[in-house]
Structures are given as structure tokens and as C-alpha cells.
Amino acid sequence: MQRGSDRLSVHRDDEMKHELQGLLRSGHPTRTEEWNDPEPTAEDDPDVVNGPVTPGRGPSYLEALRLELARNLTRGTFPAGPRELGRVLRRGNAPDALVDGLRRLPHKARYGNVQELALALTESGRSGPPAPGVA
């Protein structure tokens, strides 16, 4: 039974099925123009496949801290100690919570990348209050 509330005609519906047939069979986009393909999801996009991201399902504290540090530090910053990293964060107007966390780290320590720094900040709860945007 057709109610007339369909947005597409039967002919347009068949045409769309034909257009998608290559994608459905191959499992990847089949268009020659890349701009026409949908953009893939990014690694840091929230996982919404299983529903909305709630506080219990959001990124862990370490992941959120690492993301916040990566937003404010570049690869060229490393390797560096807490004082140098603190200067870079202050110059970049980073959240105060990140700079305060660096002050609690050993002054002679050196960090080779954001991951090492994030682990050092979360170790033993020395990172202080979470940075803005950090769950």
C-alpha cells in the first residue's frame, strides 16, 4: 500500500540503489572524485556507534590529558624538561591546570613525547585538577 508520503519516487529509489551497488559490493567508495566521498572518522572522534558519549563512556583521563597536551605542544618541543615545557605552554596560553601539573614534576626529568609527559602527570595523581575539556 502506497500512502504518498515517500520523498522519492519508485524510479528515483531504483536509481539510488543502482548508484550504491558498487559501494555495497566492494566495501569501499567507488567514485573517481575523492571530494565526493564522505570524510572518514578521525581517531579522536567520540565513539557514537553504541549511542551518545556519556561521562562513563567518554575518554579516560589519560587520553583526555594527552589530547589537551597535544593541542598545546608540538613535536619540535620534545625532548624537554618540565621548565621548558611550562614556558612553551605559558607562551601558547595553555590552561593553567596543565602548567600547574608540570610544576610538580621532577626538574631534572626529560620527556621525549606527549605520551611520556601525560603518563608522568597522571602517575600518583600529581596532575592536579583536570584541564578544561578533560573528563
Protein backbone atom coordinates (compact mmCIF):
# COMPACT_ATOMS: atom_id res chain seq x y z
CA MET A 1 0.00 0.00 0.00
CA GLN A 2 1.42 3.36 -1.03
CA ARG A 3 0.45 6.32 1.11
CA GLY A 4 2.08 9.01 -0.99
CA SER A 5 4.32 10.20 1.83
CA ASP A 6 7.53 8.87 0.22
CA ARG A 7 10.08 11.55 -0.51
CA LEU A 8 11.36 9.69 -3.56
CA SER A 9 9.56 8.12 -6.47
CA VAL A 10 9.95 4.44 -7.21
CA HIS A 11 12.16 5.30 -10.19
CA ARG A 12 14.48 7.51 -8.12
CA ASP A 13 14.66 4.81 -5.46
CA ASP A 14 15.80 2.25 -8.05
CA GLU A 15 18.31 4.74 -9.44
CA MET A 16 19.83 5.28 -5.98
CA LYS A 17 20.09 1.52 -5.43
CA HIS A 18 21.97 1.22 -8.70
CA GLU A 19 24.36 4.06 -7.68
CA LEU A 20 25.14 2.37 -4.36
CA GLN A 21 25.54 -1.12 -5.80
CA GLY A 22 29.32 -0.75 -6.37
CA LEU A 23 29.87 0.56 -2.83
CA LEU A 24 27.85 -2.24 -1.29
CA ARG A 25 29.66 -4.95 -3.23
CA SER A 26 33.21 -3.64 -2.87
CA GLY A 27 33.09 -2.29 0.68
CA HIS A 28 34.88 0.95 -0.27
CA PRO A 29 33.94 4.11 -2.19
CA THR A 30 33.91 3.64 -5.96
CA ARG A 31 33.77 7.26 -7.11
CA THR A 32 36.63 8.73 -9.10
CA GLU A 33 36.37 12.15 -7.47
CA GLU A 34 37.66 11.96 -3.89
CA TRP A 35 35.89 15.16 -2.89
CA ASN A 36 32.60 13.39 -3.45
CA ASP A 37 33.32 10.65 -0.89
CA PRO A 38 32.24 11.06 2.73
CA GLU A 39 35.03 12.03 5.12
CA PRO A 40 36.27 9.15 7.30
CA THR A 41 36.04 9.44 11.04
CA ALA A 42 39.06 10.78 12.91
CA GLU A 43 40.87 8.85 15.64
CA ASP A 44 39.82 11.35 18.29
CA ASP A 45 36.14 11.44 17.31
CA PRO A 46 33.85 10.22 20.06
CA ASP A 47 32.57 6.67 19.72
CA VAL A 48 28.90 7.18 18.89
CA VAL A 49 28.24 3.78 17.35
CA ASN A 50 26.79 2.46 20.61
CA GLY A 51 24.86 5.62 21.49
CA PRO A 52 25.77 9.01 22.91
CA VAL A 53 29.02 9.54 24.77
CA THR A 54 28.21 9.81 28.46
CA PRO A 55 30.59 10.55 31.35
CA GLY A 56 31.05 6.83 31.99
CA ARG A 57 31.82 6.09 28.33
CA GLY A 58 33.94 9.13 27.46
CA PRO A 59 37.70 9.14 27.01
CA SER A 60 39.79 8.17 30.02
CA TYR A 61 41.61 10.83 31.99
CA LEU A 62 44.94 9.85 30.42
CA GLU A 63 43.52 10.07 26.89
CA ALA A 64 41.90 13.44 27.57
CA LEU A 65 45.08 14.81 29.18
CA ARG A 66 47.20 13.56 26.28
CA LEU A 67 44.82 15.22 23.80
CA GLU A 68 44.95 18.52 25.70
CA LEU A 69 48.75 18.40 25.82
CA ALA A 70 48.95 17.57 22.11
CA ARG A 71 46.79 20.59 21.33
CA ASN A 72 49.27 22.86 23.05
CA LEU A 73 52.65 21.24 22.32
CA THR A 74 54.34 20.40 19.02
CA ARG A 75 56.75 17.61 18.14
CA GLY A 76 59.57 20.15 17.96
CA THR A 77 59.10 20.88 21.65
CA PHE A 78 60.41 17.47 22.66
CA PRO A 79 62.63 16.20 24.24
CA ALA A 80 62.29 18.71 27.03
CA GLY A 81 62.07 19.08 30.78
CA PRO A 82 59.18 20.45 32.84
CA ARG A 83 60.55 24.02 32.92
CA GLU A 84 60.90 24.25 29.14
CA LEU A 85 57.50 22.67 28.61
CA GLY A 86 55.96 25.06 31.13
CA ARG A 87 57.39 28.04 29.24
CA VAL A 88 56.01 26.74 25.95
CA LEU A 89 52.59 26.16 27.49
CA ARG A 90 52.50 29.64 29.04
CA ARG A 91 53.53 31.27 25.73
CA GLY A 92 50.77 29.33 23.98
CA ASN A 93 48.16 30.41 26.57
CA ALA A 94 47.51 26.83 27.64
CA PRO A 95 45.11 26.10 30.50
CA ASP A 96 46.58 26.80 33.94
CA ALA A 97 45.88 23.24 35.08
CA LEU A 98 48.44 21.92 32.57
CA VAL A 99 51.13 24.39 33.66
CA ASP A 100 50.46 23.71 37.35
CA GLY A 101 50.83 19.96 36.76
CA LEU A 102 54.28 20.49 35.23
CA ARG A 103 55.48 22.37 38.31
CA ARG A 104 55.00 19.21 40.39
CA LEU A 105 57.24 17.06 38.16
CA PRO A 106 60.95 16.46 38.95
CA HIS A 107 63.01 19.30 37.47
CA LYS A 108 65.71 17.03 36.04
CA ALA A 109 63.28 14.74 34.21
CA ARG A 110 63.20 14.75 30.38
CA TYR A 111 60.22 13.72 28.27
CA GLY A 112 60.52 12.53 24.69
CA ASN A 113 56.89 12.93 23.64
CA VAL A 114 53.38 13.81 24.78
CA GLN A 115 52.65 10.22 25.88
CA GLU A 116 55.58 10.14 28.31
CA LEU A 117 54.59 13.54 29.70
CA ALA A 118 50.93 12.53 30.12
CA LEU A 119 51.93 9.33 31.93
CA ALA A 120 54.21 11.28 34.27
CA LEU A 121 51.44 13.79 35.01
CA THR A 122 48.84 11.14 35.80
CA GLU A 123 51.23 8.96 37.82
CA SER A 124 50.47 9.19 41.54
CA GLY A 125 47.77 11.81 40.96
CA ARG A 126 50.30 14.58 40.56
CA SER A 127 48.49 16.29 37.72
CA GLY A 128 46.19 18.37 39.91
CA PRO A 129 42.73 19.34 38.69
CA PRO A 130 41.81 18.31 35.17
CA ALA A 131 42.37 20.79 32.40
CA PRO A 132 39.34 22.38 30.72
CA GLY A 133 37.75 19.87 28.41
CA VAL A 134 39.44 16.99 30.25
CA ALA A 135 36.97 14.48 31.70
